[in-house]
Amino acid sequence: SFCACKVFKTPSLTIYNGTHQSLLSQLPFQLTPSPLPLQADKLRTQQQLEQLQARYVGTGHADTTKFEWASNIHRDSLASYIGHPPLLAYMALGMGEPKEKVRAMFLEVGDTPA
């Protein structure tokens, strides 16, 4: 049968995807797939996602439009440029403007929707 595993053969051992087979047989437990998530786990995950979306504006939801998503990415990118001085200096150098002027421009652009 066909196996997609990578097999490396050496004189003394065979390695499957970086794991020696004799080591796997010596484990005190069996490697089995994890069980399906319980309904309570799904509910907890959903509640955590809703809390995250309520706390942070840009996390999105099922009804987020392409425009809203792009606006969030644009706003977050500008905020990141402003918040990381080396990145702001790099952008200012590329634009040929002083850092403070670029910072002010990014703040002005970040307040207006795309």
Protein backbone atom coordinates (compact mmCIF):
# COMPACT_ATOMS: atom_id res chain seq x y z
CA SER A 1 0.00 0.00 0.00
CA PHE A 2 1.04 3.60 -0.54
CA CYS A 3 2.32 5.56 2.47
CA ALA A 4 2.95 9.31 2.38
CA CYS A 5 5.43 9.01 5.27
CA LYS A 6 9.04 9.92 4.77
CA VAL A 7 11.14 6.84 5.42
CA PHE A 8 14.87 7.05 6.08
CA LYS A 9 16.74 3.76 6.31
CA THR A 10 20.08 3.48 8.02
CA PRO A 11 21.97 0.25 8.77
CA SER A 12 20.69 0.05 12.36
CA LEU A 13 17.28 1.74 12.38
CA THR A 14 14.35 2.95 10.30
CA ILE A 15 12.97 6.43 10.94
CA TYR A 16 9.43 7.47 9.97
CA ASN A 17 8.97 11.26 9.85
CA GLY A 18 11.77 11.76 12.36
CA THR A 19 10.52 9.21 14.94
CA HIS A 20 12.32 5.94 15.54
CA GLN A 21 9.83 3.05 15.52
CA SER A 22 11.36 1.26 18.50
CA LEU A 23 10.93 4.45 20.54
CA LEU A 24 7.24 4.51 19.68
CA SER A 25 6.82 0.92 20.80
CA GLN A 26 8.47 1.71 24.16
CA LEU A 27 6.06 4.51 25.07
CA PRO A 28 3.97 3.80 28.20
CA PHE A 29 0.87 4.97 26.32
CA GLN A 30 -0.67 4.48 22.90
CA LEU A 31 -0.75 7.27 20.37
CA THR A 32 -4.41 7.60 19.45
CA PRO A 33 -6.31 10.41 17.77
CA SER A 34 -7.93 12.86 20.14
CA PRO A 35 -11.66 12.36 20.74
CA LEU A 36 -14.20 14.61 19.09
CA PRO A 37 -14.86 17.83 21.02
CA LEU A 38 -17.77 17.70 23.41
CA GLN A 39 -20.76 20.01 23.09
CA ALA A 40 -19.61 21.91 26.19
CA ASP A 41 -16.22 22.53 24.54
CA LYS A 42 -17.91 23.89 21.44
CA LEU A 43 -20.11 26.18 23.53
CA ARG A 44 -17.13 27.46 25.55
CA THR A 45 -15.20 28.13 22.34
CA GLN A 46 -18.17 30.02 20.87
CA GLN A 47 -18.53 32.11 24.05
CA GLN A 48 -14.83 32.95 24.06
CA LEU A 49 -15.04 34.02 20.42
CA GLU A 50 -18.02 36.27 21.17
CA GLN A 51 -16.16 37.85 24.11
CA LEU A 52 -13.14 38.45 21.90
CA GLN A 53 -15.29 40.05 19.20
CA ALA A 54 -17.01 42.27 21.75
CA ARG A 55 -13.69 43.40 23.24
CA TYR A 56 -11.75 44.02 20.03
CA VAL A 57 -13.34 45.85 17.11
CA GLY A 58 -11.29 44.35 14.28
CA THR A 59 -11.77 40.63 15.01
CA GLY A 60 -14.72 40.40 12.63
CA HIS A 61 -17.74 38.12 12.58
CA ALA A 62 -19.75 36.11 10.10
CA ASP A 63 -21.43 39.24 8.67
CA THR A 64 -18.22 41.26 8.20
CA THR A 65 -18.15 42.74 4.71
CA LYS A 66 -15.08 42.88 2.51
CA PHE A 67 -15.00 46.67 2.95
CA GLU A 68 -15.13 46.42 6.77
CA TRP A 69 -12.38 43.79 6.75
CA ALA A 70 -10.15 45.91 4.49
CA SER A 71 -10.79 49.00 6.64
CA ASN A 72 -9.80 47.07 9.79
CA ILE A 73 -6.59 45.81 8.16
CA HIS A 74 -5.72 49.31 6.93
CA ARG A 75 -6.39 50.90 10.34
CA ASP A 76 -4.42 48.20 12.18
CA SER A 77 -1.49 48.52 9.77
CA LEU A 78 -1.28 52.28 10.26
CA ALA A 79 -1.50 51.84 14.04
CA SER A 80 1.34 49.30 13.87
CA TYR A 81 3.51 51.67 11.83
CA ILE A 82 2.92 54.42 14.38
CA GLY A 83 3.49 52.12 17.35
CA HIS A 84 6.82 50.72 16.15
CA PRO A 85 9.38 53.57 15.89
CA PRO A 86 11.89 51.67 13.70
CA LEU A 87 9.14 50.83 11.21
CA LEU A 88 7.94 54.44 11.26
CA ALA A 89 11.51 55.63 10.63
CA TYR A 90 11.80 53.20 7.70
CA MET A 91 8.53 54.44 6.20
CA ALA A 92 9.55 58.08 6.71
CA LEU A 93 12.90 57.44 5.03
CA GLY A 94 11.19 55.82 2.07
CA MET A 95 8.74 58.70 1.77
CA GLY A 96 11.45 61.33 2.20
CA GLU A 97 9.54 63.03 5.04
CA PRO A 98 10.30 63.64 8.74
CA LYS A 99 9.03 60.96 11.15
CA GLU A 100 6.62 63.32 12.92
CA LYS A 101 5.06 64.41 9.64
CA VAL A 102 4.54 60.78 8.61
CA ARG A 103 3.12 59.97 12.06
CA ALA A 104 0.65 62.86 11.76
CA MET A 105 -0.30 61.78 8.25
CA PHE A 106 -0.92 58.18 9.40
CA LEU A 107 -3.01 59.41 12.34
CA GLU A 108 -5.08 61.60 10.03
CA VAL A 109 -5.58 58.85 7.45
CA GLY A 110 -6.33 56.24 10.13
CA ASP A 111 -9.29 58.22 11.47
CA THR A 112 -11.10 58.39 8.15
CA PRO A 113 -12.76 55.29 6.69
CA ALA A 114 -11.24 53.90 3.49
